[in-house]
C-alpha atoms as a PDB file:
ATOM      1  CA  MET A   1      71.329 -56.159  25.267  1.00  0.00           C
ATOM      2  CA  ILE A   2      73.455 -59.330  25.378  1.00  0.00           C
ATOM      3  CA  ASP A   3      74.557 -58.887  21.725  1.00  0.00           C
ATOM      4  CA  ARG A   4      75.560 -55.328  22.314  1.00  0.00           C
ATOM      5  CA  ASP A   5      77.714 -56.211  25.306  1.00  0.00           C
ATOM      6  CA  SER A   6      79.372 -59.022  23.461  1.00  0.00           C
ATOM      7  CA  ARG A   7      80.247 -56.700  20.601  1.00  0.00           C
ATOM      8  CA  ARG A   8      81.843 -54.302  23.084  1.00  0.00           C
ATOM      9  CA  ASP A   9      83.858 -57.145  24.583  1.00  0.00           C
ATOM     10  CA  ARG A  10      85.187 -58.075  21.141  1.00  0.00           C
ATOM     11  CA  ALA A  11      85.990 -54.436  20.154  1.00  0.00           C
ATOM     12  CA  LEU A  12      88.498 -53.890  22.940  1.00  0.00           C
ATOM     13  CA  PRO A  13      90.867 -56.739  22.071  1.00  0.00           C
ATOM     14  CA  THR A  14      90.638 -55.752  18.447  1.00  0.00           C
ATOM     15  CA  PHE A  15      91.667 -52.160  19.243  1.00  0.00           C
ATOM     16  CA  VAL A  16      94.628 -53.285  21.342  1.00  0.00           C
ATOM     17  CA  THR A  17      95.747 -55.586  18.554  1.00  0.00           C
ATOM     18  CA  LEU A  18      95.650 -52.780  16.010  1.00  0.00           C
ATOM     19  CA  VAL A  19      97.717 -50.485  18.263  1.00  0.00           C
ATOM     20  CA  VAL A  20     100.385 -53.115  18.787  1.00  0.00           C
ATOM     21  CA  ALA A  21     100.522 -53.829  15.073  1.00  0.00           C
ATOM     22  CA  ALA A  22     100.919 -50.137  14.288  1.00  0.00           C
ATOM     23  CA  PHE A  23     103.751 -49.848  16.786  1.00  0.00           C
ATOM     24  CA  LEU A  24     105.530 -52.840  15.275  1.00  0.00           C
ATOM     25  CA  LEU A  25     105.162 -51.454  11.789  1.00  0.00           C
ATOM     26  CA  MET A  26     106.558 -48.112  12.933  1.00  0.00           C
ATOM     27  CA  THR A  27     109.517 -49.903  14.551  1.00  0.00           C
ATOM     28  CA  VAL A  28     110.243 -51.868  11.393  1.00  0.00           C
ATOM     29  CA  ASP A  29     109.994 -48.712   9.333  1.00  0.00           C
ATOM     30  CA  VAL A  30     112.406 -46.926  11.645  1.00  0.00           C
ATOM     31  CA  ARG A  31     114.920 -49.751  11.546  1.00  0.00           C
ATOM     32  CA  LEU A  32     114.725 -49.918   7.739  1.00  0.00           C
ATOM     33  CA  ALA A  33     115.455 -46.200   7.680  1.00  0.00           C
ATOM     34  CA  GLY A  34     118.597 -46.813   9.762  1.00  0.00           C
ATOM     35  CA  GLY A  35     117.444 -44.919  12.810  1.00  0.00           C
ATOM     36  CA  SER A  36     116.573 -45.786  16.337  1.00  0.00           C
ATOM     37  CA  VAL A  37     113.304 -45.418  18.068  1.00  0.00           C
ATOM     38  CA  SER A  38     114.719 -43.139  20.712  1.00  0.00           C
ATOM     39  CA  SER A  39     116.395 -40.837  18.251  1.00  0.00           C
ATOM     40  CA  ASN A  40     113.325 -40.559  16.146  1.00  0.00           C
ATOM     41  CA  ILE A  41     111.150 -39.981  19.146  1.00  0.00           C
ATOM     42  CA  ARG A  42     113.623 -37.296  20.273  1.00  0.00           C
ATOM     43  CA  SER A  43     113.571 -35.716  16.842  1.00  0.00           C
ATOM     44  CA  ALA A  44     109.822 -35.739  16.844  1.00  0.00           C
ATOM     45  CA  ALA A  45     109.739 -34.206  20.275  1.00  0.00           C
ATOM     46  CA  LEU A  46     112.235 -31.548  19.244  1.00  0.00           C
ATOM     47  CA  SER A  47     110.223 -30.744  16.165  1.00  0.00           C
ATOM     48  CA  ILE A  48     107.241 -30.184  18.388  1.00  0.00           C
ATOM     49  CA  LEU A  49     109.106 -28.309  21.122  1.00  0.00           C
ATOM     50  CA  ALA A  50     111.203 -26.062  18.867  1.00  0.00           C
ATOM     51  CA  PRO A  51     108.312 -23.774  17.870  1.00  0.00           C
ATOM     52  CA  LEU A  52     107.249 -23.651  21.504  1.00  0.00           C
ATOM     53  CA  GLN A  53     110.798 -22.693  22.546  1.00  0.00           C
ATOM     54  CA  ASN A  54     110.891 -19.978  19.888  1.00  0.00           C
ATOM     55  CA  LEU A  55     107.565 -18.684  21.113  1.00  0.00           C
ATOM     56  CA  ALA A  56     108.809 -18.697  24.701  1.00  0.00           C
ATOM     57  CA  ALA A  57     111.956 -16.815  23.639  1.00  0.00           C
ATOM     58  CA  ILE A  58     109.840 -14.230  21.864  1.00  0.00           C
ATOM     59  CA  VAL A  59     107.783 -13.735  25.025  1.00  0.00           C
ATOM     60  CA  VAL A  60     110.476 -14.141  27.682  1.00  0.00           C
ATOM     61  CA  ASP A  61     113.365 -12.223  26.062  1.00  0.00           C
ATOM     62  CA  PRO A  62     111.547  -8.859  25.938  1.00  0.00           C
ATOM     63  CA  VAL A  63     110.465  -9.392  29.544  1.00  0.00           C
ATOM     64  CA  ALA A  64     114.088 -10.035  30.513  1.00  0.00           C
ATOM     65  CA  ASP A  65     115.198  -7.016  28.488  1.00  0.00           C
ATOM     66  CA  LEU A  66     112.540  -4.909  30.226  1.00  0.00           C
ATOM     67  CA  GLY A  67     113.774  -6.095  33.625  1.00  0.00           C
ATOM     68  CA  GLU A  68     117.334  -5.184  32.717  1.00  0.00           C
ATOM     69  CA  ALA A  69     116.166  -1.821  31.410  1.00  0.00           C
ATOM     70  CA  LEU A  70     114.262  -1.118  34.632  1.00  0.00           C
ATOM     71  CA  THR A  71     117.301  -2.079  36.686  1.00  0.00           C
ATOM     72  CA  GLY A  72     119.464   0.224  34.584  1.00  0.00           C
ATOM     73  CA  LEU A  73     116.915   3.024  34.935  1.00  0.00           C
ATOM     74  CA  ALA A  74     116.941   2.689  38.727  1.00  0.00           C
ATOM     75  CA  THR A  75     120.732   2.832  38.678  1.00  0.00           C
ATOM     76  CA  LEU A  76     120.683   5.927  36.470  1.00  0.00           C
ATOM     77  CA  ARG A  77     118.182   7.595  38.782  1.00  0.00           C
ATOM     78  CA  ALA A  78     120.359   6.873  41.798  1.00  0.00           C
ATOM     79  CA  GLU A  79     123.414   8.230  39.989  1.00  0.00           C
ATOM     80  CA  ASN A  80     121.432  11.301  38.912  1.00  0.00           C
ATOM     81  CA  GLN A  81     120.331  11.983  42.496  1.00  0.00           C
ATOM     82  CA  ALA A  82     123.925  11.625  43.669  1.00  0.00           C
ATOM     83  CA  LEU A  83     125.072  14.079  40.984  1.00  0.00           C
ATOM     84  CA  LEU A  84     122.335  16.545  41.940  1.00  0.00           C
ATOM     85  CA  ALA A  85     123.393  16.328  45.585  1.00  0.00           C
ATOM     86  CA  GLU A  86     127.000  16.951  44.594  1.00  0.00           C
ATOM     87  CA  VAL A  87     126.001  19.940  42.452  1.00  0.00           C
ATOM     88  CA  ALA A  88     124.005  21.372  45.383  1.00  0.00           C
ATOM     89  CA  ARG A  89     126.978  20.908  47.686  1.00  0.00           C
ATOM     90  CA  LEU A  90     129.330  22.629  45.241  1.00  0.00           C
ATOM     91  CA  GLN A  91     126.867  25.470  44.743  1.00  0.00           C
ATOM     92  CA  ALA A  92     126.615  25.914  48.520  1.00  0.00           C
ATOM     93  CA  GLU A  93     130.407  25.989  48.790  1.00  0.00           C
ATOM     94  CA  GLN A  94     130.594  28.511  45.957  1.00  0.00           C
ATOM     95  CA  ALA A  95     127.931  30.688  47.600  1.00  0.00           C
ATOM     96  CA  GLY A  96     129.823  30.501  50.884  1.00  0.00           C
ATOM     97  CA  ALA A  97     133.072  31.474  49.177  1.00  0.00           C
ATOM     98  CA  GLN A  98     131.351  34.355  47.392  1.00  0.00           C
ATOM     99  CA  ASP A  99     129.791  35.503  50.676  1.00  0.00           C
ATOM    100  CA  LEU A 100     133.186  35.387  52.374  1.00  0.00           C
ATOM    101  CA  GLN A 101     134.778  37.284  49.493  1.00  0.00           C
ATOM    102  CA  ALA A 102     132.029  39.905  49.661  1.00  0.00           C
ATOM    103  CA  ARG A 103     132.628  40.351  53.388  1.00  0.00           C
ATOM    104  CA  VAL A 104     136.364  40.656  52.851  1.00  0.00           C
ATOM    105  CA  GLU A 105     135.791  43.316  50.202  1.00  0.00           C
ATOM    106  CA  VAL A 106     133.445  45.209  52.526  1.00  0.00           C
ATOM    107  CA  LEU A 107     135.960  45.069  55.358  1.00  0.00           C
ATOM    108  CA  GLU A 108     138.691  46.323  53.022  1.00  0.00           C
ATOM    109  CA  GLN A 109     136.344  49.084  51.982  1.00  0.00           C
ATOM    110  CA  ILE A 110     135.741  49.977  55.606  1.00  0.00           C
ATOM    111  CA  ASN A 111     139.465  49.961  56.271  1.00  0.00           C
ATOM    112  CA  ASP A 112     139.920  52.500  53.483  1.00  0.00           C
ATOM    113  CA  LEU A 113     137.367  54.973  54.866  1.00  0.00           C
ATOM    114  CA  GLU A 114     138.966  58.399  54.871  1.00  0.00           C
ATOM    115  CA  ILE A 115     136.008  60.604  55.689  1.00  0.00           C
ATOM    116  CA  LEU A 116     136.415  60.158  59.430  1.00  0.00           C
ATOM    117  CA  ASP A 117     138.902  61.620  61.844  1.00  0.00           C
ATOM    118  CA  PRO A 118     141.586  58.916  62.339  1.00  0.00           C
ATOM    119  CA  ASP A 119     141.446  59.594  66.077  1.00  0.00           C
ATOM    120  CA  VAL A 120     137.784  58.550  66.168  1.00  0.00           C
ATOM    121  CA  ALA A 121     137.395  54.812  66.895  1.00  0.00           C
ATOM    122  CA  GLN A 122     135.528  52.742  64.311  1.00  0.00           C
ATOM    123  CA  THR A 123     134.005  49.354  65.129  1.00  0.00           C
ATOM    124  CA  PRO A 124     132.894  47.136  62.209  1.00  0.00           C
ATOM    125  CA  ALA A 125     129.902  44.956  63.094  1.00  0.00           C
ATOM    126  CA  ASN A 126     127.778  42.320  61.409  1.00  0.00           C
ATOM    127  CA  VAL A 127     124.033  42.749  61.096  1.00  0.00           C
ATOM    128  CA  ILE A 128     122.671  39.591  62.728  1.00  0.00           C
ATOM    129  CA  GLY A 129     118.930  40.113  62.856  1.00  0.00           C
ATOM    130  CA  ARG A 130     116.010  42.324  63.752  1.00  0.00           C
ATOM    131  CA  PRO A 131     114.244  42.667  67.120  1.00  0.00           C
ATOM    132  CA  ASP A 132     111.011  43.049  65.167  1.00  0.00           C
ATOM    133  CA  PRO A 133     110.811  41.090  61.876  1.00  0.00           C
ATOM    134  CA  PHE A 134     108.629  43.829  60.407  1.00  0.00           C
ATOM    135  CA  GLY A 135     110.423  46.784  62.000  1.00  0.00           C
ATOM    136  CA  PRO A 136     113.249  48.949  60.623  1.00  0.00           C
ATOM    137  CA  SER A 137     115.674  48.507  63.539  1.00  0.00           C
ATOM    138  CA  PHE A 138     118.370  45.849  63.346  1.00  0.00           C
ATOM    139  CA  VAL A 139     120.742  44.037  65.694  1.00  0.00           C
ATOM    140  CA  ILE A 140     124.538  44.054  65.367  1.00  0.00           C
ATOM    141  CA  ASP A 141     127.024  41.653  66.956  1.00  0.00           C
ATOM    142  CA  LYS A 142     128.985  44.298  68.855  1.00  0.00           C
ATOM    143  CA  GLY A 143     128.005  45.803  72.179  1.00  0.00           C
ATOM    144  CA  THR A 144     129.326  47.350  75.355  1.00  0.00           C
ATOM    145  CA  ASP A 145     132.128  44.781  75.541  1.00  0.00           C
ATOM    146  CA  ASP A 146     133.396  46.285  72.280  1.00  0.00           C
ATOM    147  CA  GLY A 147     133.000  49.913  73.339  1.00  0.00           C
ATOM    148  CA  VAL A 148     129.641  50.447  71.646  1.00  0.00           C
ATOM    149  CA  ALA A 149     127.333  52.798  73.511  1.00  0.00           C
ATOM    150  CA  VAL A 150     123.901  54.279  73.069  1.00  0.00           C
ATOM    151  CA  GLY A 151     123.983  57.327  70.837  1.00  0.00           C
ATOM    152  CA  HIS A 152     126.958  56.191  68.743  1.00  0.00           C
ATOM    153  CA  PRO A 153     126.482  56.965  65.048  1.00  0.00           C
ATOM    154  CA  VAL A 154     126.358  54.095  62.548  1.00  0.00           C
ATOM    155  CA  VAL A 155     127.444  54.293  58.901  1.00  0.00           C
ATOM    156  CA  ASP A 156     127.599  51.771  56.072  1.00  0.00           C
ATOM    157  CA  PRO A 157     130.864  50.586  54.427  1.00  0.00           C
ATOM    158  CA  ASN A 158     130.770  53.619  52.117  1.00  0.00           C
ATOM    159  CA  GLY A 159     130.643  56.009  55.072  1.00  0.00           C
ATOM    160  CA  TYR A 160     127.009  56.930  54.397  1.00  0.00           C
ATOM    161  CA  VAL A 161     124.902  57.707  57.460  1.00  0.00           C
ATOM    162  CA  VAL A 162     122.644  54.819  58.501  1.00  0.00           C
ATOM    163  CA  GLY A 163     121.402  55.698  61.972  1.00  0.00           C
ATOM    164  CA  LYS A 164     122.456  55.446  65.588  1.00  0.00           C
ATOM    165  CA  VAL A 165     122.670  52.935  68.416  1.00  0.00           C
ATOM    166  CA  VAL A 166     119.594  53.077  70.649  1.00  0.00           C
ATOM    167  CA  GLU A 167     120.133  50.066  72.926  1.00  0.00           C
ATOM    168  CA  THR A 168     123.201  48.092  73.958  1.00  0.00           C
ATOM    169  CA  ALA A 169     124.181  44.914  75.757  1.00  0.00           C
ATOM    170  CA  PRO A 170     127.543  43.228  76.377  1.00  0.00           C
ATOM    171  CA  GLY A 171     127.490  41.246  73.145  1.00  0.00           C
ATOM    172  CA  PHE A 172     125.180  43.153  70.810  1.00  0.00           C
ATOM    173  CA  ALA A 173     123.391  46.431  70.132  1.00  0.00           C
ATOM    174  CA  ILE A 174     120.286  47.706  68.371  1.00  0.00           C
ATOM    175  CA  VAL A 175     120.451  50.371  65.676  1.00  0.00           C
ATOM    176  CA  VAL A 176     117.578  52.509  64.418  1.00  0.00           C
ATOM    177  CA  PRO A 177     117.897  54.071  60.921  1.00  0.00           C
ATOM    178  CA  ILE A 178     117.506  57.820  60.654  1.00  0.00           C
ATOM    179  CA  THR A 179     114.466  57.223  58.427  1.00  0.00           C
ATOM    180  CA  GLN A 180     112.669  55.974  61.556  1.00  0.00           C
ATOM    181  CA  ASP A 181     114.324  58.173  64.191  1.00  0.00           C
ATOM    182  CA  ARG A 182     112.061  60.815  65.695  1.00  0.00           C
ATOM    183  CA  GLU A 183     115.055  63.022  66.414  1.00  0.00           C
ATOM    184  CA  ALA A 184     115.938  65.338  63.524  1.00  0.00           C
ATOM    185  CA  VAL A 185     119.478  65.392  62.143  1.00  0.00           C
ATOM    186  CA  THR A 186     121.207  68.711  61.564  1.00  0.00           C
ATOM    187  CA  VAL A 187     122.608  68.767  58.035  1.00  0.00           C
ATOM    188  CA  LEU A 188     124.241  71.046  55.512  1.00  0.00           C
ATOM    189  CA  VAL A 189     123.177  71.388  51.884  1.00  0.00           C
ATOM    190  CA  ASP A 190     124.548  73.888  49.410  1.00  0.00           C
ATOM    191  CA  GLY A 191     125.979  75.969  52.256  1.00  0.00           C
ATOM    192  CA  GLN A 192     122.670  76.114  54.096  1.00  0.00           C
ATOM    193  CA  VAL A 193     121.988  74.514  57.469  1.00  0.00           C
ATOM    194  CA  GLY A 194     118.763  72.637  57.887  1.00  0.00           C
ATOM    195  CA  SER A 195     117.055  69.800  59.725  1.00  0.00           C
ATOM    196  CA  LEU A 196     116.461  66.383  58.197  1.00  0.00           C
ATOM    197  CA  VAL A 197     113.111  65.110  59.448  1.00  0.00           C
ATOM    198  CA  SER A 198     111.914  61.495  59.205  1.00  0.00           C
ATOM    199  CA  HIS A 199     108.373  60.249  58.770  1.00  0.00           C
ATOM    200  CA  VAL A 200     107.972  57.233  61.040  1.00  0.00           C
ATOM    201  CA  GLY A 201     106.471  54.375  59.077  1.00  0.00           C
ATOM    202  CA  SER A 202     107.910  55.676  55.807  1.00  0.00           C
ATOM    203  CA  ASP A 203     111.341  55.745  54.187  1.00  0.00           C
ATOM    204  CA  GLU A 204     110.901  59.378  53.179  1.00  0.00           C
ATOM    205  CA  LEU A 205     113.024  62.209  54.607  1.00  0.00           C
ATOM    206  CA  THR A 206     112.267  65.899  54.411  1.00  0.00           C
ATOM    207  CA  LEU A 207     114.830  68.681  54.561  1.00  0.00           C
ATOM    208  CA  GLU A 208     113.593  71.800  56.327  1.00  0.00           C
ATOM    209  CA  VAL A 209     115.664  74.997  55.929  1.00  0.00           C
ATOM    210  CA  PHE A 210     114.229  78.010  57.757  1.00  0.00           C
ATOM    211  CA  ASP A 211     116.863  80.574  56.901  1.00  0.00           C
ATOM    212  CA  ALA A 212     117.268  79.634  53.241  1.00  0.00           C
ATOM    213  CA  ILE A 213     119.138  81.954  50.926  1.00  0.00           C
ATOM    214  CA  GLU A 214     118.619  80.144  47.619  1.00  0.00           C
ATOM    215  CA  ALA A 215     116.601  77.412  45.974  1.00  0.00           C
ATOM    216  CA  LEU A 216     117.668  73.771  45.976  1.00  0.00           C
ATOM    217  CA  GLN A 217     118.095  71.490  42.972  1.00  0.00           C
ATOM    218  CA  ALA A 218     117.741  67.767  42.500  1.00  0.00           C
ATOM    219  CA  GLY A 219     121.073  66.093  43.169  1.00  0.00           C
ATOM    220  CA  ASP A 220     122.266  68.571  45.827  1.00  0.00           C
ATOM    221  CA  LEU A 221     124.374  66.695  48.373  1.00  0.00           C
ATOM    222  CA  VAL A 222     123.167  66.530  51.984  1.00  0.00           C
ATOM    223  CA  VAL A 223     125.864  65.996  54.649  1.00  0.00           C
ATOM    224  CA  THR A 224     125.955  66.172  58.427  1.00  0.00           C
ATOM    225  CA  SER A 225     126.605  69.636  59.847  1.00  0.00           C
ATOM    226  CA  SER A 226     129.319  70.762  62.227  1.00  0.00           C
ATOM    227  CA  VAL A 227     126.602  71.821  64.659  1.00  0.00           C
ATOM    228  CA  SER A 228     125.021  68.359  64.739  1.00  0.00           C
ATOM    229  CA  VAL A 229     124.821  66.805  68.201  1.00  0.00           C
ATOM    230  CA  THR A 230     124.202  63.322  66.815  1.00  0.00           C
ATOM    231  CA  PHE A 231     126.763  62.776  64.043  1.00  0.00           C
ATOM    232  CA  PRO A 232     130.275  63.986  63.207  1.00  0.00           C
ATOM    233  CA  GLN A 233     130.341  66.643  60.521  1.00  0.00           C
ATOM    234  CA  GLY A 234     130.805  65.879  56.843  1.00  0.00           C
ATOM    235  CA  LEU A 235     129.173  62.442  56.687  1.00  0.00           C
ATOM    236  CA  PRO A 236     127.165  61.955  53.453  1.00  0.00           C
ATOM    237  CA  VAL A 237     123.488  61.437  54.191  1.00  0.00           C
ATOM    238  CA  GLY A 238     121.674  61.626  50.874  1.00  0.00           C
ATOM    239  CA  GLU A 239     120.628  63.910  48.057  1.00  0.00           C
ATOM    240  CA  VAL A 240     117.779  66.243  47.214  1.00  0.00           C
ATOM    241  CA  THR A 241     115.454  64.507  44.747  1.00  0.00           C
ATOM    242  CA  ALA A 242     113.546  67.490  43.305  1.00  0.00           C
ATOM    243  CA  ASP A 243     114.049  71.129  42.398  1.00  0.00           C
ATOM    244  CA  VAL A 244     112.554  73.312  45.124  1.00  0.00           C
ATOM    245  CA  ASP A 245     112.052  77.079  45.073  1.00  0.00           C
ATOM    246  CA  LEU A 246     112.222  79.423  48.029  1.00  0.00           C
ATOM    247  CA  GLU A 247     109.077  80.274  49.935  1.00  0.00           C
ATOM    248  CA  GLY A 248     110.135  83.467  51.636  1.00  0.00           C
ATOM    249  CA  THR A 249     113.098  82.386  53.736  1.00  0.00           C
ATOM    250  CA  ALA A 250     111.968  78.778  54.201  1.00  0.00           C
ATOM    251  CA  ILE A 251     112.411  75.782  51.990  1.00  0.00           C
ATOM    252  CA  SER A 252     111.261  72.169  52.211  1.00  0.00           C
ATOM    253  CA  ALA A 253     112.737  69.469  50.001  1.00  0.00           C
ATOM    254  CA  PRO A 254     112.504  65.665  49.706  1.00  0.00           C
ATOM    255  CA  VAL A 255     115.734  63.771  50.361  1.00  0.00           C
ATOM    256  CA  ARG A 256     116.789  60.250  49.365  1.00  0.00           C
ATOM    257  CA  LEU A 257     118.987  58.397  51.839  1.00  0.00           C
ATOM    258  CA  PHE A 258     122.194  57.003  50.329  1.00  0.00           C
ATOM    259  CA  ALA A 259     122.413  54.021  52.679  1.00  0.00           C
ATOM    260  CA  GLN A 260     120.020  51.098  52.361  1.00  0.00           C
ATOM    261  CA  PRO A 261     119.349  49.902  55.927  1.00  0.00           C
ATOM    262  CA  ASP A 262     117.138  46.999  54.852  1.00  0.00           C
ATOM    263  CA  THR A 263     119.926  45.281  52.908  1.00  0.00           C
ATOM    264  CA  LEU A 264     122.957  46.018  55.088  1.00  0.00           C
ATOM    265  CA  ARG A 265     125.094  43.114  56.287  1.00  0.00           C
ATOM    266  CA  ILE A 266     128.025  45.038  57.759  1.00  0.00           C
ATOM    267  CA  VAL A 267     128.066  48.470  59.377  1.00  0.00           C
ATOM    268  CA  VAL A 268     130.564  50.654  61.213  1.00  0.00           C
ATOM    269  CA  VAL A 269     129.879  52.102  64.653  1.00  0.00           C
ATOM    270  CA  ILE A 270     131.649  55.408  65.290  1.00  0.00           C
ATOM    271  CA  THR A 271     132.782  56.265  68.804  1.00  0.00           C
ATOM    272  CA  TRP A 272     131.418  59.784  68.869  1.00  0.00           C
ATOM    273  CA  PRO A 273     131.468  62.064  70.753  1.00  0.00           C
ATOM    274  CA  PRO A 274     134.999  60.830  71.485  1.00  0.00           C
ATOM    275  CA  GLU A 275     135.212  62.396  74.943  1.00  0.00           C
ATOM    276  CA  PRO A 276     134.658  59.823  77.694  1.00  0.00           C
ATOM    277  CA  GLY A 277     131.708  60.255  80.022  1.00  0.00           C
ATOM    278  CA  THR A 278     129.482  61.981  77.468  1.00  0.00           C
ATOM    279  CA  VAL A 279     127.140  58.992  77.225  1.00  0.00           C
ATOM    280  CA  GLU A 280     125.125  58.205  80.353  1.00  0.00           C
ATOM    281  CA  THR A 281     124.241  54.665  81.388  1.00  0.00           C
ATOM    282  CA  THR A 282     120.880  54.557  83.118  1.00  0.00           C
ATOM    283  CA  THR A 283     118.413  51.905  81.983  1.00  0.00           C
ATOM    284  CA  THR A 284     118.029  48.222  81.297  1.00  0.00           C
ATOM    285  CA  ALA A 285     115.890  46.279  78.860  1.00  0.00           C
ATOM    286  CA  VAL A 286     115.332  42.782  77.495  1.00  0.00           C
ATOM    287  CA  ILE A 287     115.932  42.422  73.760  1.00  0.00           C
ATOM    288  CA  PRO A 288     113.593  39.952  71.985  1.00  0.00           C
ATOM    289  CA  GLY A 289     115.328  37.055  70.270  1.00  0.00           C
ATOM    290  CA  THR A 290     118.459  37.125  72.446  1.00  0.00           C
ATOM    291  CA  PRO A 291     119.402  34.610  75.123  1.00  0.00           C
ATOM    292  CA  GLY A 292     118.738  35.685  78.697  1.00  0.00           C
ATOM    293  CA  ASP A 293     118.250  39.095  80.195  1.00  0.00           C
ATOM    294  CA  THR A 294     120.378  41.736  78.508  1.00  0.00           C
ATOM    295  CA  THR A 295     121.486  45.014  80.016  1.00  0.00           C
ATOM    296  CA  THR A 296     121.016  48.056  77.817  1.00  0.00           C
ATOM    297  CA  THR A 297     122.065  51.632  78.250  1.00  0.00           C
ATOM    298  CA  THR A 298     120.474  54.895  77.343  1.00  0.00           C
ATOM    299  CA  GLY A 299     121.780  58.374  77.535  1.00  0.00           C
ATOM    300  CA  GLY A 300     122.268  61.700  75.905  1.00  0.00           C
ATOM    301  CA  GLY A 301     124.856  63.146  73.563  1.00  0.00           C
END
């Protein structure tokens, strides 16, 4: 045990001596080569670090490029969203301009109506809603303050019969199409007077002629009669849609309405009968979907 410890004690000084000698030899060799220790150590360090730096560049550069790419992508997305918002705004403006142009054209069309007596007042009105979302009646933005009264006929911009006013208030009125009106309309077709009957719950109309003198053909024009108590005479209503033969002196034919009440946006209310005092004002009602209690009128004519 003592010999082994003594050998260990001698080995340590020997190792230190060898290290110092190696360092001195390296210094002499460096000086003979004309270089300095620091420069050579730096060169050695650089030779070791250079591959590591290249490796780091290989790893770090793509990461940096990816970060820049992600930043650019976020910017592009933001710009794309801004462009989409601008496109939506322009499309809304274009739709608004087209809607305004369409209304102007309809009003010009109404102004050019020549089928009515010029002495009969005509009141253009916008369709602004429906008292029942699933019902056929619709609300217009003109009422008693504008001279609209219950019983006044309503036509579309082409002058085609739509229906009549059934309820009124100071600022609006309700119109029911003739396809849903229980009251028959007296009409004239091919020189024959008949009654146009609706089928509530359906858009179908049936022409009933009881003193027919000849058969009817598809395409025959149906207009309001001079003996009608609901509409002025001569207003286009629709056309016969099938050939129908006489059955004795009676005839029944299907009729297609020219106007399309479900898609109307502007209508014309006709002040008819024109004589004052022919429409009675007797009742009141509350119209769903309108602010406050609204006075309505009902009457004959």
